[in-house]
C-alpha atoms as a PDB file:
ATOM      1  CA  ARG A   1      -3.289   2.334  21.877  1.00  0.00           C
ATOM      2  CA  GLY A   2      -5.403  -0.392  24.012  1.00  0.00           C
ATOM      3  CA  GLY A   3      -6.950  -3.104  21.665  1.00  0.00           C
ATOM      4  CA  LEU A   4      -8.794  -2.535  18.192  1.00  0.00           C
ATOM      5  CA  ARG A   5     -12.188  -1.513  17.723  1.00  0.00           C
ATOM      6  CA  SER A   6     -14.515  -1.477  14.473  1.00  0.00           C
ATOM      7  CA  ALA A   7     -16.470   1.101  13.765  1.00  0.00           C
ATOM      8  CA  PRO A   8     -20.119   0.208  13.130  1.00  0.00           C
ATOM      9  CA  PRO A   9     -20.562  -0.872   9.583  1.00  0.00           C
ATOM     10  CA  GLY A  10     -23.754   1.733   9.145  1.00  0.00           C
ATOM     11  CA  ASP A  11     -21.694   4.668  10.332  1.00  0.00           C
ATOM     12  CA  ILE A  12     -18.710   3.697   8.161  1.00  0.00           C
ATOM     13  CA  LEU A  13     -21.388   2.973   4.866  1.00  0.00           C
ATOM     14  CA  ASP A  14     -22.941   6.371   5.771  1.00  0.00           C
ATOM     15  CA  ALA A  15     -19.869   8.314   5.568  1.00  0.00           C
ATOM     16  CA  VAL A  16     -19.273   7.142   2.025  1.00  0.00           C
ATOM     17  CA  ARG A  17     -22.610   7.847   0.917  1.00  0.00           C
ATOM     18  CA  ARG A  18     -22.004  11.512   2.053  1.00  0.00           C
ATOM     19  CA  LEU A  19     -18.557  11.619   0.577  1.00  0.00           C
ATOM     20  CA  VAL A  20     -19.994  10.379  -2.543  1.00  0.00           C
ATOM     21  CA  ALA A  21     -22.853  12.689  -2.653  1.00  0.00           C
ATOM     22  CA  SER A  22     -20.438  15.889  -2.314  1.00  0.00           C
ATOM     23  CA  GLY A  23     -18.535  14.775  -4.926  1.00  0.00           C
ATOM     24  CA  ALA A  24     -15.296  12.588  -3.841  1.00  0.00           C
ATOM     25  CA  PHE A  25     -14.040  10.325  -5.859  1.00  0.00           C
ATOM     26  CA  GLU A  26     -11.068   8.863  -4.097  1.00  0.00           C
ATOM     27  CA  ILE A  27     -12.040   7.380  -0.448  1.00  0.00           C
ATOM     28  CA  GLN A  28      -9.588   6.057   1.995  1.00  0.00           C
ATOM     29  CA  LEU A  29     -10.457   3.524   4.503  1.00  0.00           C
ATOM     30  CA  THR A  30      -8.214   4.209   7.799  1.00  0.00           C
ATOM     31  CA  GLY A  31      -7.103   2.374  10.973  1.00  0.00           C
ATOM     32  CA  GLN A  32      -4.210   0.796  13.037  1.00  0.00           C
ATOM     33  CA  ASP A  33      -4.718  -2.542  11.143  1.00  0.00           C
ATOM     34  CA  VAL A  34      -7.496  -1.987   7.992  1.00  0.00           C
ATOM     35  CA  ALA A  35      -7.868  -5.992   7.930  1.00  0.00           C
ATOM     36  CA  ALA A  36      -8.603  -6.146  11.746  1.00  0.00           C
ATOM     37  CA  TRP A  37     -11.684  -4.711  10.890  1.00  0.00           C
ATOM     38  CA  GLY A  38     -14.867  -6.753  12.295  1.00  0.00           C
ATOM     39  CA  ILE A  39     -12.890  -8.938  14.223  1.00  0.00           C
ATOM     40  CA  ASP A  40     -14.620  -7.709  17.320  1.00  0.00           C
ATOM     41  CA  ARG A  41     -18.045  -7.660  15.868  1.00  0.00           C
ATOM     42  CA  GLY A  42     -18.456 -11.068  13.991  1.00  0.00           C
ATOM     43  CA  GLU A  43     -17.775  -9.254  10.739  1.00  0.00           C
ATOM     44  CA  SER A  44     -14.909  -9.046   8.086  1.00  0.00           C
ATOM     45  CA  LEU A  45     -13.247  -6.708   6.220  1.00  0.00           C
ATOM     46  CA  PRO A  46     -13.949  -8.499   2.543  1.00  0.00           C
ATOM     47  CA  ASP A  47     -17.958  -8.217   3.594  1.00  0.00           C
ATOM     48  CA  LEU A  48     -17.728  -4.711   4.214  1.00  0.00           C
ATOM     49  CA  LEU A  49     -15.963  -3.894   0.811  1.00  0.00           C
ATOM     50  CA  ARG A  50     -18.435  -5.547  -1.075  1.00  0.00           C
ATOM     51  CA  GLU A  51     -21.041  -3.123   0.980  1.00  0.00           C
ATOM     52  CA  ILE A  52     -19.270  -0.473   0.046  1.00  0.00           C
ATOM     53  CA  SER A  53     -18.911  -1.494  -3.557  1.00  0.00           C
ATOM     54  CA  ASP A  54     -22.504  -1.906  -3.885  1.00  0.00           C
ATOM     55  CA  ILE A  55     -23.252   2.151  -3.469  1.00  0.00           C
ATOM     56  CA  PRO A  56     -24.116   3.932  -5.829  1.00  0.00           C
ATOM     57  CA  GLY A  57     -21.822   6.380  -7.855  1.00  0.00           C
ATOM     58  CA  GLU A  58     -18.526   7.153  -9.289  1.00  0.00           C
ATOM     59  CA  PHE A  59     -16.068   6.680  -6.670  1.00  0.00           C
ATOM     60  CA  ALA A  60     -12.901   4.260  -5.629  1.00  0.00           C
ATOM     61  CA  VAL A  61     -11.596   2.857  -2.305  1.00  0.00           C
ATOM     62  CA  ARG A  62      -8.277   2.956  -1.099  1.00  0.00           C
ATOM     63  CA  PRO A  63      -8.069   0.524   1.981  1.00  0.00           C
ATOM     64  CA  GLY A  64      -5.307   1.642   4.592  1.00  0.00           C
ATOM     65  CA  MET A  65      -2.621  -0.720   6.192  1.00  0.00           C
ATOM     66  CA  MET A  66      -3.138  -4.117   6.621  1.00  0.00           C
ATOM     67  CA  HIS A  67      -1.070  -5.985   9.175  1.00  0.00           C
ATOM     68  CA  PRO A  68       0.447  -9.416   7.168  1.00  0.00           C
ATOM     69  CA  ALA A  69      -1.379 -11.747  10.160  1.00  0.00           C
ATOM     70  CA  SER A  70      -4.677 -10.302   9.479  1.00  0.00           C
ATOM     71  CA  VAL A  71      -4.462 -10.355   6.042  1.00  0.00           C
ATOM     72  CA  HIS A  72      -3.366 -13.776   5.810  1.00  0.00           C
ATOM     73  CA  ARG A  73      -6.851 -14.725   7.917  1.00  0.00           C
ATOM     74  CA  ILE A  74      -9.028 -13.444   5.595  1.00  0.00           C
ATOM     75  CA  LEU A  75      -6.780 -13.620   2.086  1.00  0.00           C
ATOM     76  CA  ASP A  76      -9.133 -15.132  -0.302  1.00  0.00           C
ATOM     77  CA  PRO A  77     -12.351 -13.304   0.564  1.00  0.00           C
ATOM     78  CA  LEU A  78     -10.254 -10.439   0.323  1.00  0.00           C
ATOM     79  CA  ILE A  79      -8.862 -11.187  -3.057  1.00  0.00           C
ATOM     80  CA  ASP A  80     -12.183 -11.791  -4.578  1.00  0.00           C
ATOM     81  CA  ALA A  81     -13.726  -8.415  -3.065  1.00  0.00           C
ATOM     82  CA  TYR A  82     -10.790  -6.282  -4.725  1.00  0.00           C
ATOM     83  CA  ALA A  83     -12.197  -7.387  -7.896  1.00  0.00           C
ATOM     84  CA  SER A  84     -14.446  -4.654  -7.848  1.00  0.00           C
ATOM     85  CA  PRO A  85     -13.800  -1.343 -10.165  1.00  0.00           C
ATOM     86  CA  LYS A  86     -14.672   0.279  -6.922  1.00  0.00           C
ATOM     87  CA  ILE A  87     -11.923  -0.880  -4.759  1.00  0.00           C
ATOM     88  CA  PHE A  88      -8.104   0.280  -6.052  1.00  0.00           C
ATOM     89  CA  LYS A  89      -5.807  -2.472  -6.856  1.00  0.00           C
ATOM     90  CA  PHE A  90      -3.770  -1.312  -3.601  1.00  0.00           C
ATOM     91  CA  LEU A  91      -2.268  -3.149  -0.594  1.00  0.00           C
ATOM     92  CA  HIS A  92       0.080  -1.353   2.038  1.00  0.00           C
ATOM     93  CA  LEU A  93       1.870  -4.480   3.785  1.00  0.00           C
ATOM     94  CA  PRO A  94       4.132  -3.253   6.778  1.00  0.00           C
ATOM     95  CA  VAL A  95       6.672  -6.123   7.003  1.00  0.00           C
ATOM     96  CA  GLN A  96       9.590  -4.637   8.980  1.00  0.00           C
ATOM     97  CA  SER A  97      11.847  -7.265   8.528  1.00  0.00           C
ATOM     98  CA  GLU A  98      12.411 -10.741   6.314  1.00  0.00           C
ATOM     99  CA  SER A  99      14.161 -12.456   9.412  1.00  0.00           C
ATOM    100  CA  ASP A 100      12.065 -14.507  11.348  1.00  0.00           C
ATOM    101  CA  ALA A 101      14.267 -14.230  14.194  1.00  0.00           C
ATOM    102  CA  VAL A 102      14.070 -10.248  13.834  1.00  0.00           C
ATOM    103  CA  LEU A 103      10.055 -10.819  13.585  1.00  0.00           C
ATOM    104  CA  ASP A 104      10.192 -12.604  16.797  1.00  0.00           C
ATOM    105  CA  ARG A 105      12.189 -10.201  18.665  1.00  0.00           C
ATOM    106  CA  MET A 106       9.827  -7.855  17.631  1.00  0.00           C
ATOM    107  CA  LYS A 107       6.594  -9.334  18.818  1.00  0.00           C
ATOM    108  CA  ARG A 108       5.407  -9.930  14.988  1.00  0.00           C
ATOM    109  CA  ARG A 109       2.715 -12.590  14.574  1.00  0.00           C
ATOM    110  CA  TYR A 110       3.559 -13.598  11.177  1.00  0.00           C
ATOM    111  CA  HIS A 111       6.353 -15.022   9.155  1.00  0.00           C
ATOM    112  CA  ALA A 112       8.239 -14.054   6.139  1.00  0.00           C
ATOM    113  CA  THR A 113       6.914 -16.962   4.366  1.00  0.00           C
ATOM    114  CA  ASP A 114       3.214 -15.382   4.937  1.00  0.00           C
ATOM    115  CA  VAL A 115       3.795 -12.102   3.480  1.00  0.00           C
ATOM    116  CA  ILE A 116       5.254 -14.138   0.152  1.00  0.00           C
ATOM    117  CA  GLU A 117       2.079 -15.960  -0.340  1.00  0.00           C
ATOM    118  CA  ILE A 118       0.183 -12.963   0.305  1.00  0.00           C
ATOM    119  CA  VAL A 119       1.898 -10.980  -2.348  1.00  0.00           C
ATOM    120  CA  ASP A 120       2.273 -14.074  -5.037  1.00  0.00           C
ATOM    121  CA  ALA A 121      -1.879 -14.437  -3.887  1.00  0.00           C
ATOM    122  CA  PHE A 122      -2.402 -11.144  -5.011  1.00  0.00           C
ATOM    123  CA  ARG A 123      -0.210 -10.433  -7.971  1.00  0.00           C
ATOM    124  CA  GLU A 124      -1.737 -14.030  -9.275  1.00  0.00           C
ATOM    125  CA  ARG A 125      -5.339 -12.679  -9.353  1.00  0.00           C
ATOM    126  CA  TYR A 126      -4.208  -8.402 -10.354  1.00  0.00           C
ATOM    127  CA  PRO A 127      -0.661  -8.613 -12.260  1.00  0.00           C
ATOM    128  CA  ASP A 128      -0.364  -4.827 -11.863  1.00  0.00           C
ATOM    129  CA  MET A 129      -0.898  -4.678  -7.909  1.00  0.00           C
ATOM    130  CA  MET A 130       0.621  -1.722  -6.217  1.00  0.00           C
ATOM    131  CA  ILE A 131       1.616  -3.443  -2.802  1.00  0.00           C
ATOM    132  CA  SER A 132       3.790  -1.098  -0.584  1.00  0.00           C
ATOM    133  CA  SER A 133       5.447  -1.799   2.711  1.00  0.00           C
ATOM    134  CA  ASP A 134       7.172  -0.504   5.790  1.00  0.00           C
ATOM    135  CA  PHE A 135      10.604  -1.442   6.597  1.00  0.00           C
ATOM    136  CA  ILE A 136      12.744  -1.303  10.124  1.00  0.00           C
ATOM    137  CA  THR A 137      16.521  -1.332   9.727  1.00  0.00           C
ATOM    138  CA  GLY A 138      18.903  -1.681  12.112  1.00  0.00           C
ATOM    139  CA  PHE A 139      16.619  -3.344  14.918  1.00  0.00           C
ATOM    140  CA  PRO A 140      18.769  -4.294  18.056  1.00  0.00           C
ATOM    141  CA  GLY A 141      20.648  -7.603  17.236  1.00  0.00           C
ATOM    142  CA  GLU A 142      20.150  -7.699  13.421  1.00  0.00           C
ATOM    143  CA  THR A 143      23.154  -9.458  11.922  1.00  0.00           C
ATOM    144  CA  ASP A 144      24.596  -8.881   8.438  1.00  0.00           C
ATOM    145  CA  GLU A 145      22.971 -12.526   7.467  1.00  0.00           C
ATOM    146  CA  GLU A 146      19.192 -11.324   8.812  1.00  0.00           C
ATOM    147  CA  PHE A 147      19.648  -7.850   7.063  1.00  0.00           C
ATOM    148  CA  GLY A 148      20.617  -9.358   3.669  1.00  0.00           C
ATOM    149  CA  GLN A 149      17.349 -11.466   4.250  1.00  0.00           C
ATOM    150  CA  THR A 150      15.280  -8.604   4.393  1.00  0.00           C
ATOM    151  CA  LEU A 151      16.822  -6.919   1.347  1.00  0.00           C
ATOM    152  CA  ASP A 152      16.225 -10.192  -0.164  1.00  0.00           C
ATOM    153  CA  LEU A 153      12.160  -9.946   0.503  1.00  0.00           C
ATOM    154  CA  LEU A 154      12.395  -6.551  -1.366  1.00  0.00           C
ATOM    155  CA  ARG A 155      13.468  -7.837  -4.452  1.00  0.00           C
ATOM    156  CA  ARG A 156      11.240 -10.918  -4.168  1.00  0.00           C
ATOM    157  CA  ALA A 157       8.139  -9.437  -3.569  1.00  0.00           C
ATOM    158  CA  ALA A 158       9.111  -6.269  -5.406  1.00  0.00           C
ATOM    159  CA  PHE A 159       7.105  -3.513  -3.131  1.00  0.00           C
ATOM    160  CA  VAL A 160       6.010  -0.569  -5.143  1.00  0.00           C
ATOM    161  CA  LYS A 161       6.536   1.979  -2.438  1.00  0.00           C
ATOM    162  CA  VAL A 162       8.447   1.363   0.698  1.00  0.00           C
ATOM    163  CA  ASN A 163       8.710   3.271   3.747  1.00  0.00           C
ATOM    164  CA  ILE A 164      12.186   2.660   5.215  1.00  0.00           C
ATOM    165  CA  THR A 165      12.547   3.700   9.149  1.00  0.00           C
ATOM    166  CA  ARG A 166      16.411   3.700  10.993  1.00  0.00           C
ATOM    167  CA  TYR A 167      15.600   1.979  14.364  1.00  0.00           C
ATOM    168  CA  SER A 168      15.501   4.068  17.302  1.00  0.00           C
ATOM    169  CA  ARG A 169      14.908   3.421  20.531  1.00  0.00           C
ATOM    170  CA  ARG A 170      11.496   3.687  22.478  1.00  0.00           C
ATOM    171  CA  PRO A 171      11.263   4.169  26.045  1.00  0.00           C
ATOM    172  CA  GLY A 172       9.019   1.382  27.579  1.00  0.00           C
ATOM    173  CA  THR A 173       9.181  -1.287  24.800  1.00  0.00           C
ATOM    174  CA  PRO A 174      10.784  -4.385  25.344  1.00  0.00           C
ATOM    175  CA  ALA A 175      13.219  -3.309  22.611  1.00  0.00           C
ATOM    176  CA  ALA A 176      14.478  -0.255  24.608  1.00  0.00           C
ATOM    177  CA  ALA A 177      16.389  -2.899  26.766  1.00  0.00           C
ATOM    178  CA  LEU A 178      18.413  -4.147  24.040  1.00  0.00           C
ATOM    179  CA  LYS A 179      21.929  -2.483  22.726  1.00  0.00           C
ATOM    180  CA  ASP A 180      21.605  -0.319  20.037  1.00  0.00           C
ATOM    181  CA  LEU A 181      23.618  -1.152  16.581  1.00  0.00           C
ATOM    182  CA  PRO A 182      26.146   1.554  15.663  1.00  0.00           C
ATOM    183  CA  GLU A 183      24.559   4.586  13.659  1.00  0.00           C
ATOM    184  CA  ARG A 184      26.847   3.897  10.901  1.00  0.00           C
ATOM    185  CA  ILE A 185      25.338   0.498   9.999  1.00  0.00           C
ATOM    186  CA  ARG A 186      21.898   1.484  10.556  1.00  0.00           C
ATOM    187  CA  LYS A 187      22.228   4.382   7.953  1.00  0.00           C
ATOM    188  CA  ASP A 188      24.142   2.026   5.929  1.00  0.00           C
ATOM    189  CA  ARG A 189      21.354  -0.562   5.790  1.00  0.00           C
ATOM    190  CA  SER A 190      19.085   2.076   4.984  1.00  0.00           C
ATOM    191  CA  ARG A 191      20.561   3.662   2.036  1.00  0.00           C
ATOM    192  CA  ARG A 192      21.179   0.066   0.709  1.00  0.00           C
ATOM    193  CA  LEU A 193      17.005  -0.814   1.127  1.00  0.00           C
ATOM    194  CA  LEU A 194      16.545   2.673  -0.620  1.00  0.00           C
ATOM    195  CA  SER A 195      18.685   2.375  -3.345  1.00  0.00           C
ATOM    196  CA  GLU A 196      17.202  -1.302  -4.126  1.00  0.00           C
ATOM    197  CA  ALA A 197      13.539   0.200  -3.399  1.00  0.00           C
ATOM    198  CA  ASN A 198      14.233   3.007  -6.304  1.00  0.00           C
ATOM    199  CA  ARG A 199      15.289  -0.033  -8.703  1.00  0.00           C
ATOM    200  CA  ILE A 200      12.030  -1.478  -7.937  1.00  0.00           C
ATOM    201  CA  TYR A 201      10.014   1.637  -8.694  1.00  0.00           C
ATOM    202  CA  ASP A 202      11.492   2.273 -11.959  1.00  0.00           C
ATOM    203  CA  THR A 203      11.050  -1.150 -12.976  1.00  0.00           C
ATOM    204  CA  TYR A 204       7.255  -1.126 -12.411  1.00  0.00           C
ATOM    205  CA  ASN A 205       6.977   2.285 -13.822  1.00  0.00           C
ATOM    206  CA  GLU A 206       8.713   1.395 -17.138  1.00  0.00           C
ATOM    207  CA  ARG A 207       6.138  -1.698 -17.576  1.00  0.00           C
ATOM    208  CA  TRP A 208       3.408   1.002 -18.023  1.00  0.00           C
ATOM    209  CA  ILE A 209       5.406   2.715 -20.773  1.00  0.00           C
ATOM    210  CA  GLY A 210       3.503   2.967 -23.601  1.00  0.00           C
ATOM    211  CA  ARG A 211       0.410   1.257 -21.886  1.00  0.00           C
ATOM    212  CA  GLU A 212      -3.099   2.868 -22.126  1.00  0.00           C
ATOM    213  CA  THR A 213      -4.768   3.274 -18.758  1.00  0.00           C
ATOM    214  CA  ALA A 214      -7.927   4.583 -17.160  1.00  0.00           C
ATOM    215  CA  ILE A 215      -7.424   7.729 -15.288  1.00  0.00           C
ATOM    216  CA  VAL A 216      -9.196   9.714 -12.715  1.00  0.00           C
ATOM    217  CA  ALA A 217      -8.059  13.397 -11.465  1.00  0.00           C
ATOM    218  CA  THR A 218      -7.735  13.339  -7.848  1.00  0.00           C
ATOM    219  CA  GLU A 219      -5.469  16.354  -6.818  1.00  0.00           C
ATOM    220  CA  LYS A 220      -3.542  19.694  -8.297  1.00  0.00           C
ATOM    221  CA  ASN A 221      -0.529  20.391  -7.688  1.00  0.00           C
ATOM    222  CA  MET A 222       0.822  23.377  -9.818  1.00  0.00           C
ATOM    223  CA  PRO A 223      -0.818  25.266 -12.488  1.00  0.00           C
ATOM    224  CA  GLY A 224      -1.230  23.439 -15.883  1.00  0.00           C
ATOM    225  CA  SER A 225      -1.089  19.854 -14.326  1.00  0.00           C
ATOM    226  CA  THR A 226      -3.011  17.468 -12.453  1.00  0.00           C
ATOM    227  CA  VAL A 227      -2.545  14.480 -10.227  1.00  0.00           C
ATOM    228  CA  CYS A 228      -4.419  11.376 -11.237  1.00  0.00           C
ATOM    229  CA  ARG A 229      -4.776   7.507 -10.574  1.00  0.00           C
ATOM    230  CA  ASN A 230      -5.205   4.909 -12.429  1.00  0.00           C
ATOM    231  CA  PRO A 231      -7.139   1.457 -10.971  1.00  0.00           C
ATOM    232  CA  SER A 232      -3.834   0.303  -9.341  1.00  0.00           C
ATOM    233  CA  TYR A 233      -3.409   3.721  -7.856  1.00  0.00           C
ATOM    234  CA  LEU A 234      -0.407   4.746 -10.189  1.00  0.00           C
ATOM    235  CA  ASN A 235       0.100   8.622  -9.751  1.00  0.00           C
ATOM    236  CA  VAL A 236      -0.074  10.114 -13.502  1.00  0.00           C
ATOM    237  CA  ILE A 237       0.800  13.303 -13.395  1.00  0.00           C
ATOM    238  CA  ILE A 238      -1.377  14.753 -16.592  1.00  0.00           C
ATOM    239  CA  LYS A 239       0.141  18.413 -17.912  1.00  0.00           C
ATOM    240  CA  GLU A 240      -3.286  19.260 -18.186  1.00  0.00           C
ATOM    241  CA  ASP A 241      -5.899  21.326 -16.046  1.00  0.00           C
ATOM    242  CA  LEU A 242      -8.505  18.872 -15.476  1.00  0.00           C
ATOM    243  CA  PRO A 243     -11.401  19.006 -13.186  1.00  0.00           C
ATOM    244  CA  PHE A 244     -11.273  17.097  -9.945  1.00  0.00           C
ATOM    245  CA  GLY A 245     -13.216  13.626 -10.416  1.00  0.00           C
ATOM    246  CA  PHE A 246     -12.572  13.913 -14.647  1.00  0.00           C
ATOM    247  CA  SER A 247     -12.431  10.351 -15.918  1.00  0.00           C
ATOM    248  CA  GLY A 248     -10.694   9.493 -19.137  1.00  0.00           C
ATOM    249  CA  ARG A 249      -8.102   7.502 -20.410  1.00  0.00           C
ATOM    250  CA  ALA A 250      -4.597   8.491 -20.887  1.00  0.00           C
ATOM    251  CA  VAL A 251      -1.142   6.591 -22.888  1.00  0.00           C
ATOM    252  CA  ILE A 252       1.918   6.777 -20.241  1.00  0.00           C
ATOM    253  CA  THR A 253       5.013   8.206 -21.877  1.00  0.00           C
ATOM    254  CA  GLU A 254       7.680   8.745 -18.833  1.00  0.00           C
ATOM    255  CA  ASN A 255       8.977   7.526 -15.962  1.00  0.00           C
ATOM    256  CA  ARG A 256       9.947   9.518 -12.962  1.00  0.00           C
ATOM    257  CA  ARG A 257      10.015   6.946 -10.467  1.00  0.00           C
ATOM    258  CA  HIS A 258       7.533   8.459  -7.922  1.00  0.00           C
ATOM    259  CA  TYR A 259       5.317   9.136 -10.569  1.00  0.00           C
ATOM    260  CA  VAL A 260       4.744   8.786 -14.409  1.00  0.00           C
ATOM    261  CA  ILE A 261       3.813  11.175 -16.800  1.00  0.00           C
ATOM    262  CA  GLY A 262       0.648  10.175 -19.028  1.00  0.00           C
ATOM    263  CA  LYS A 263      -0.612  12.030 -22.454  1.00  0.00           C
ATOM    264  CA  LEU A 264      -4.884  12.098 -21.818  1.00  0.00           C
ATOM    265  CA  LEU A 265      -6.303  10.458 -25.155  1.00  0.00           C
ATOM    266  CA  ARG A 266      -9.141  12.322 -26.552  1.00  0.00           C
ATOM    267  CA  ASP A 267     -11.948  10.838 -29.153  1.00  0.00           C
ATOM    268  CA  VAL A 268     -11.131  11.580 -32.382  1.00  0.00           C
END
């Protein structure tokens, strides 16, 4: 892939303005490591987010995947930048493993304590923050104890959305020379992580039941219902046909694990 290169801030800001002018509400910032934006230019992501937030209009930005090492470098100003109502309280923080030994074998540039520090700092400021992550199970040499550490981290960090991948060999990588774990072990560990993740999804969603929240209509999935997002990027289904960009308030009534059901509140 080569080294990371940051798009010029002016190009990004112009793209946001064009999207807002076209009627878009949800705008996603994408990249291999969004938190690393600006390093090669002497700039930083928090400054970019503040400039985006100053753009007039009704919209919200969902920042993309951020590697823990890059987030840790800008943690305090990044948390401050998230205070804008134009930034969804959502963070995608790929972890891969809790075991420092496994992370070292993966050539990752961070440790499990860095991840916990990031999660705790964001949740202290934004208690309803939705933080997602990625895990790789069955990396070569992963012991039962090391997997147990990963399971503990998932519980401790309470990631609300988790992408779980069973390790598979990639030719040309350093890990390709290592001995694979049996497929049955990789499958079992993946199932155990998924089971715990589902429990966490339910716990997070159930805390919203009975609560009122702001919503914005962002997608349509079937006639008679609308996909909305709240400020924490929670997936809220309203069983009504609403126009894109509709904003209002709803009370959350049901948990469906990967989304919740909301009832639109109307002025009396």
